[in-house]
Amino acid sequence: MAIDELDQELCSACGICFSICPQDVFRLDEQTRKPIIKYASDCVACWSCELFCPVHCIKVSGSRSRKLPAPY
């Protein structure tokens, strides 16, 4: 899994991870109104969610869960 951690305590529910993830990995937890990692196997380790998170509650590993297609 490329996304190692999403700290719910630290998360401010800003929604940036939802809008920036190119693979649509996150979903909204209806109770907490915060993101959850729903489709971790789709993560391509682009680090966008980690880089743009204003409270740094997301940690992404260096390995990709999903391989990108080879360029032509």
N, C-alpha and C. Protein backbone atom coordinates (compact mmCIF):
# COMPACT_ATOMS: atom_id res chain seq x y z
N MET A 1 0.84 -1.19 0.00
CA MET A 1 0.00 0.00 0.00
C MET A 1 0.88 1.23 0.00
N ALA A 2 0.62 2.15 -0.87
CA ALA A 2 1.43 3.36 -1.01
C ALA A 2 1.12 4.39 0.07
N ILE A 3 -0.14 4.50 0.48
CA ILE A 3 -0.47 5.43 1.55
C ILE A 3 -0.28 4.71 2.87
N ASP A 4 0.68 5.18 3.66
CA ASP A 4 1.01 4.52 4.92
C ASP A 4 0.10 4.96 6.05
N GLU A 5 -0.33 6.21 6.02
CA GLU A 5 -1.04 6.72 7.19
C GLU A 5 -1.91 7.92 6.83
N LEU A 6 -3.06 8.00 7.48
CA LEU A 6 -3.90 9.19 7.44
C LEU A 6 -4.35 9.40 8.88
N ASP A 7 -3.74 10.36 9.56
CA ASP A 7 -4.01 10.62 10.97
C ASP A 7 -5.32 11.38 11.13
N GLN A 8 -6.37 10.67 11.53
CA GLN A 8 -7.69 11.26 11.69
C GLN A 8 -7.73 12.34 12.78
N GLU A 9 -6.92 12.19 13.81
CA GLU A 9 -6.87 13.18 14.89
C GLU A 9 -6.34 14.52 14.38
N LEU A 10 -5.34 14.46 13.54
CA LEU A 10 -4.69 15.66 13.03
C LEU A 10 -5.45 16.29 11.85
N CYS A 11 -6.20 15.49 11.13
CA CYS A 11 -6.92 15.95 9.93
C CYS A 11 -7.89 17.08 10.27
N SER A 12 -7.88 18.11 9.43
CA SER A 12 -8.77 19.27 9.64
C SER A 12 -9.99 19.22 8.72
N ALA A 13 -10.13 18.15 7.95
CA ALA A 13 -11.26 17.97 7.03
C ALA A 13 -11.35 19.09 5.99
N CYS A 14 -10.21 19.53 5.48
CA CYS A 14 -10.17 20.61 4.50
C CYS A 14 -10.64 20.17 3.12
N GLY A 15 -10.48 18.87 2.79
CA GLY A 15 -10.93 18.35 1.51
C GLY A 15 -9.91 18.42 0.39
N ILE A 16 -8.73 18.90 0.66
CA ILE A 16 -7.71 19.02 -0.39
C ILE A 16 -7.35 17.65 -0.96
N CYS A 17 -7.24 16.65 -0.10
CA CYS A 17 -6.85 15.31 -0.58
C CYS A 17 -7.89 14.76 -1.55
N PHE A 18 -9.17 15.05 -1.31
CA PHE A 18 -10.23 14.60 -2.23
C PHE A 18 -10.04 15.22 -3.60
N SER A 19 -9.79 16.51 -3.62
CA SER A 19 -9.74 17.22 -4.90
C SER A 19 -8.43 17.01 -5.65
N ILE A 20 -7.35 16.68 -4.95
CA ILE A 20 -6.05 16.60 -5.61
C ILE A 20 -5.67 15.18 -6.03
N CYS A 21 -6.28 14.17 -5.46
CA CYS A 21 -5.91 12.78 -5.76
C CYS A 21 -6.31 12.40 -7.18
N PRO A 22 -5.34 12.06 -8.05
CA PRO A 22 -5.67 11.71 -9.42
C PRO A 22 -6.32 10.33 -9.56
N GLN A 23 -6.25 9.50 -8.52
CA GLN A 23 -6.78 8.15 -8.57
C GLN A 23 -8.06 7.97 -7.75
N ASP A 24 -8.56 9.03 -7.13
CA ASP A 24 -9.81 8.97 -6.38
C ASP A 24 -9.75 7.93 -5.25
N VAL A 25 -8.66 7.96 -4.48
CA VAL A 25 -8.40 6.99 -3.42
C VAL A 25 -9.25 7.25 -2.17
N PHE A 26 -9.58 8.50 -1.92
CA PHE A 26 -10.25 8.88 -0.67
C PHE A 26 -11.77 8.90 -0.80
N ARG A 27 -12.42 8.64 0.31
CA ARG A 27 -13.87 8.78 0.44
C ARG A 27 -14.15 9.51 1.75
N LEU A 28 -15.35 10.04 1.87
CA LEU A 28 -15.74 10.79 3.06
C LEU A 28 -16.37 9.85 4.08
N ASP A 29 -15.88 9.92 5.31
CA ASP A 29 -16.49 9.18 6.41
C ASP A 29 -17.71 10.00 6.85
N GLU A 30 -18.88 9.45 6.72
CA GLU A 30 -20.12 10.18 6.99
C GLU A 30 -20.24 10.65 8.44
N GLN A 31 -19.65 9.90 9.37
CA GLN A 31 -19.75 10.28 10.78
C GLN A 31 -18.80 11.40 11.15
N THR A 32 -17.54 11.27 10.75
CA THR A 32 -16.54 12.26 11.15
C THR A 32 -16.44 13.42 10.16
N ARG A 33 -16.97 13.21 8.93
CA ARG A 33 -16.86 14.20 7.85
C ARG A 33 -15.40 14.42 7.44
N LYS A 34 -14.57 13.39 7.67
CA LYS A 34 -13.16 13.44 7.30
C LYS A 34 -12.88 12.34 6.28
N PRO A 35 -11.76 12.48 5.54
CA PRO A 35 -11.45 11.48 4.53
C PRO A 35 -11.01 10.15 5.15
N ILE A 36 -11.28 9.08 4.42
CA ILE A 36 -10.74 7.77 4.75
C ILE A 36 -10.09 7.23 3.48
N ILE A 37 -9.14 6.34 3.65
CA ILE A 37 -8.48 5.72 2.51
C ILE A 37 -9.35 4.53 2.11
N LYS A 38 -10.11 4.69 1.07
CA LYS A 38 -11.06 3.66 0.64
C LYS A 38 -10.47 2.74 -0.43
N TYR A 39 -9.70 3.29 -1.34
CA TYR A 39 -9.16 2.52 -2.45
C TYR A 39 -7.64 2.61 -2.48
N ALA A 40 -7.01 2.11 -1.44
CA ALA A 40 -5.55 2.19 -1.30
C ALA A 40 -4.83 1.48 -2.44
N SER A 41 -5.42 0.44 -2.96
CA SER A 41 -4.75 -0.31 -4.04
C SER A 41 -4.68 0.49 -5.34
N ASP A 42 -5.45 1.58 -5.44
CA ASP A 42 -5.39 2.44 -6.62
C ASP A 42 -4.32 3.53 -6.53
N CYS A 43 -3.73 3.69 -5.37
CA CYS A 43 -2.73 4.74 -5.15
C CYS A 43 -1.50 4.50 -6.03
N VAL A 44 -1.05 5.55 -6.71
CA VAL A 44 0.13 5.48 -7.56
C VAL A 44 1.32 6.22 -6.95
N ALA A 45 1.22 6.56 -5.68
CA ALA A 45 2.31 7.23 -4.94
C ALA A 45 2.79 8.49 -5.65
N CYS A 46 1.87 9.36 -6.00
CA CYS A 46 2.25 10.62 -6.64
C CYS A 46 2.62 11.67 -5.58
N TRP A 47 2.30 11.41 -4.34
CA TRP A 47 2.59 12.26 -3.19
C TRP A 47 1.82 13.57 -3.16
N SER A 48 0.87 13.76 -4.04
CA SER A 48 0.11 15.01 -4.05
C SER A 48 -0.64 15.24 -2.75
N CYS A 49 -1.30 14.20 -2.24
CA CYS A 49 -2.07 14.37 -1.01
C CYS A 49 -1.15 14.74 0.15
N GLU A 50 0.00 14.09 0.23
CA GLU A 50 0.95 14.39 1.31
C GLU A 50 1.53 15.80 1.16
N LEU A 51 1.91 16.17 -0.04
CA LEU A 51 2.54 17.46 -0.28
C LEU A 51 1.61 18.65 -0.04
N PHE A 52 0.33 18.49 -0.38
CA PHE A 52 -0.60 19.61 -0.28
C PHE A 52 -1.43 19.63 1.00
N CYS A 53 -1.31 18.61 1.84
CA CYS A 53 -2.06 18.58 3.10
C CYS A 53 -1.54 19.68 4.03
N PRO A 54 -2.39 20.63 4.42
CA PRO A 54 -1.92 21.75 5.23
C PRO A 54 -1.54 21.37 6.67
N VAL A 55 -2.02 20.23 7.16
CA VAL A 55 -1.69 19.82 8.53
C VAL A 55 -0.77 18.59 8.55
N HIS A 56 -0.34 18.13 7.39
CA HIS A 56 0.61 17.02 7.24
C HIS A 56 0.14 15.75 7.95
N CYS A 57 -1.11 15.38 7.72
CA CYS A 57 -1.65 14.18 8.37
C CYS A 57 -1.58 12.94 7.49
N ILE A 58 -1.06 13.07 6.27
CA ILE A 58 -0.99 11.94 5.34
C ILE A 58 0.48 11.60 5.07
N LYS A 59 0.78 10.31 5.12
CA LYS A 59 2.14 9.82 4.81
C LYS A 59 2.03 8.79 3.69
N VAL A 60 2.83 8.99 2.65
CA VAL A 60 2.84 8.10 1.49
C VAL A 60 4.20 7.43 1.40
N SER A 61 4.21 6.12 1.17
CA SER A 61 5.48 5.40 1.02
C SER A 61 6.00 5.58 -0.41
N GLY A 62 7.18 5.11 -0.67
CA GLY A 62 7.78 5.26 -1.98
C GLY A 62 7.36 4.22 -2.99
N SER A 63 6.66 3.19 -2.55
CA SER A 63 6.27 2.14 -3.49
C SER A 63 4.85 2.37 -3.99
N ARG A 64 4.62 2.06 -5.23
CA ARG A 64 3.29 2.24 -5.82
C ARG A 64 2.47 0.96 -5.62
N SER A 65 1.22 1.15 -5.25
CA SER A 65 0.32 0.01 -5.16
C SER A 65 -0.16 -0.36 -6.55
N ARG A 66 -0.37 0.62 -7.38
CA ARG A 66 -0.85 0.39 -8.74
C ARG A 66 0.21 0.87 -9.71
N LYS A 67 0.55 0.04 -10.66
CA LYS A 67 1.56 0.39 -11.64
C LYS A 67 0.97 1.28 -12.73
N LEU A 68 1.72 2.26 -13.14
CA LEU A 68 1.30 3.13 -14.24
C LEU A 68 1.59 2.42 -15.56
N PRO A 69 0.79 2.69 -16.58
CA PRO A 69 1.08 2.08 -17.89
C PRO A 69 2.39 2.61 -18.46
N ALA A 70 3.05 1.75 -19.22
CA ALA A 70 4.31 2.13 -19.85
C ALA A 70 4.04 3.15 -20.94
N PRO A 71 4.93 4.14 -21.10
CA PRO A 71 4.75 5.12 -22.18
C PRO A 71 4.97 4.45 -23.54
N TYR A 72 4.36 5.01 -24.55
CA TYR A 72 4.49 4.46 -25.91
C TYR A 72 5.76 4.91 -26.54
